[in-house]
Amino acid sequence: MSEMPSFVSKGSRGDLVHYTESSGIRFQFKTGHSFYRAHLMPEGGKTDLRTTGLTPDQVEGEIVADILIFLDSGGELPVLGKGFRMPLQREIIVERHRLAYRVVELMDGTISVGTYFAL
């Protein structure tokens, strides 16, 4: 990624939410839910981004870049509201770490990443 976006934080640890804007789009990350806790995997294992050496800003900056590329290539995000079925899940690599994230577009146009985790 060429330029790291700057983030505004609200809340702390488990309730921490980061906001940023890039290319005229507002992004929201549930950082506390995503970065500051272990995630259980379907096969029973756990992953924890706090042990990777990555930072929330690093991960979220790469997610912003991936979403912008996805949208620029004609991709569409599911919109939260009537008819919503499930968030879009995408995968990225950040400094040799394979990560997944789940994303939706809110009714006001904000792009919301509800969770991200190591695979």
Protein backbone atom coordinates (compact mmCIF):
# COMPACT_ATOMS: atom_id res chain seq x y z
CA MET A 1 0.00 0.00 0.00
CA SER A 2 1.38 3.40 -0.91
CA GLU A 3 -0.10 5.67 1.75
CA MET A 4 -1.37 4.70 5.20
CA PRO A 5 -4.69 6.38 6.03
CA SER A 6 -5.03 8.15 9.36
CA PHE A 7 -7.62 6.79 11.76
CA VAL A 8 -9.88 8.42 14.35
CA SER A 9 -10.61 6.19 17.35
CA LYS A 10 -13.73 5.95 19.50
CA GLY A 11 -14.03 3.68 22.52
CA SER A 12 -11.30 1.45 23.91
CA ARG A 13 -10.04 -2.14 23.66
CA GLY A 14 -13.07 -4.43 23.13
CA ASP A 15 -15.33 -1.54 22.07
CA LEU A 16 -12.71 0.30 19.99
CA VAL A 17 -13.94 1.53 16.59
CA HIS A 18 -11.65 3.18 14.02
CA TYR A 19 -12.86 5.57 11.32
CA THR A 20 -11.05 6.86 8.25
CA GLU A 21 -11.84 8.30 4.84
CA SER A 22 -10.19 7.40 1.56
CA SER A 23 -11.17 8.26 -2.02
CA GLY A 24 -14.21 10.10 -0.65
CA ILE A 25 -15.50 6.98 1.14
CA ARG A 26 -15.94 6.74 4.90
CA PHE A 27 -14.71 3.49 6.48
CA GLN A 28 -15.56 2.05 9.89
CA PHE A 29 -13.62 -0.79 11.55
CA LYS A 30 -14.68 -2.69 14.66
CA THR A 31 -11.07 -2.83 15.79
CA GLY A 32 -11.73 -3.99 19.33
CA HIS A 33 -13.74 -6.98 18.14
CA SER A 34 -11.26 -7.74 15.37
CA PHE A 35 -7.73 -7.03 16.54
CA TYR A 36 -7.91 -7.09 20.33
CA ARG A 37 -9.24 -10.60 20.87
CA ALA A 38 -8.54 -14.18 19.86
CA HIS A 39 -10.78 -15.70 17.18
CA LEU A 40 -11.98 -19.30 17.23
CA MET A 41 -11.61 -21.11 13.93
CA PRO A 42 -14.17 -23.64 12.61
CA GLU A 43 -11.74 -26.54 13.15
CA GLY A 44 -11.35 -25.52 16.81
CA GLY A 45 -8.04 -23.63 16.71
CA LYS A 46 -7.50 -20.00 17.72
CA THR A 47 -5.86 -17.09 15.94
CA ASP A 48 -4.78 -13.87 17.59
CA LEU A 49 -3.50 -10.89 15.60
CA ARG A 50 -1.85 -9.45 18.71
CA THR A 51 0.86 -12.13 18.34
CA THR A 52 1.74 -11.33 14.71
CA GLY A 53 3.75 -8.12 15.12
CA LEU A 54 1.18 -6.29 12.96
CA THR A 55 -0.67 -3.18 14.13
CA PRO A 56 -4.37 -2.40 13.71
CA ASP A 57 -3.53 0.60 11.50
CA GLN A 58 -1.38 -1.59 9.25
CA VAL A 59 -4.08 -4.24 8.84
CA GLU A 60 -6.90 -1.73 8.37
CA GLY A 61 -4.87 0.32 5.88
CA GLU A 62 -4.37 -2.79 3.74
CA ILE A 63 -8.07 -3.62 4.00
CA VAL A 64 -8.96 -0.10 2.80
CA ALA A 65 -6.61 -0.54 -0.17
CA ASP A 66 -8.12 -3.95 -1.01
CA ILE A 67 -11.69 -2.63 -0.84
CA LEU A 68 -10.85 0.33 -3.10
CA ILE A 69 -9.26 -2.00 -5.67
CA PHE A 70 -12.30 -4.30 -5.44
CA LEU A 71 -14.72 -1.39 -5.98
CA ASP A 72 -12.61 0.14 -8.79
CA SER A 73 -12.70 -3.21 -10.62
CA GLY A 74 -16.52 -3.21 -10.57
CA GLY A 75 -17.10 -5.13 -7.35
CA GLU A 76 -20.15 -4.38 -5.25
CA LEU A 77 -20.57 -4.68 -1.50
CA PRO A 78 -23.70 -6.06 0.14
CA VAL A 79 -25.79 -3.24 1.62
CA LEU A 80 -27.03 -3.69 5.16
CA GLY A 81 -30.82 -3.42 5.20
CA LYS A 82 -33.78 -5.04 3.53
CA GLY A 83 -32.74 -8.10 1.56
CA PHE A 84 -29.35 -8.31 3.28
CA ARG A 85 -28.12 -11.90 3.50
CA MET A 86 -24.51 -11.83 4.65
CA PRO A 87 -21.34 -9.72 4.54
CA LEU A 88 -18.78 -10.18 1.82
CA GLN A 89 -15.68 -12.03 3.02
CA ARG A 90 -12.34 -11.33 1.34
CA GLU A 91 -8.77 -12.42 1.99
CA ILE A 92 -5.53 -10.42 1.91
CA ILE A 93 -1.87 -10.95 2.78
CA VAL A 94 -0.24 -8.45 5.15
CA GLU A 95 3.49 -9.00 5.68
CA ARG A 96 3.25 -12.77 5.05
CA HIS A 97 0.14 -13.12 7.26
CA ARG A 98 -3.02 -14.41 5.57
CA LEU A 99 -6.06 -12.51 6.86
CA ALA A 100 -9.78 -12.50 6.14
CA TYR A 101 -12.26 -9.70 6.70
CA ARG A 102 -16.03 -9.28 6.44
CA VAL A 103 -17.42 -6.09 4.96
CA VAL A 104 -20.78 -4.45 4.23
CA GLU A 105 -21.96 -1.07 3.07
CA LEU A 106 -24.22 0.77 5.50
CA MET A 107 -27.33 2.63 4.34
CA ASP A 108 -25.47 5.97 4.63
CA GLY A 109 -22.68 4.77 2.29
CA THR A 110 -20.14 4.06 5.04
CA ILE A 111 -18.18 0.88 4.46
CA SER A 112 -18.13 -1.17 7.65
CA VAL A 113 -15.64 -3.93 8.41
CA GLY A 114 -17.27 -5.82 11.26
CA THR A 115 -14.41 -8.28 11.78
CA TYR A 116 -11.04 -9.32 10.49
CA PHE A 117 -8.86 -12.21 11.62
CA ALA A 118 -5.80 -14.32 10.80
CA LEU A 119 -6.31 -17.54 8.88
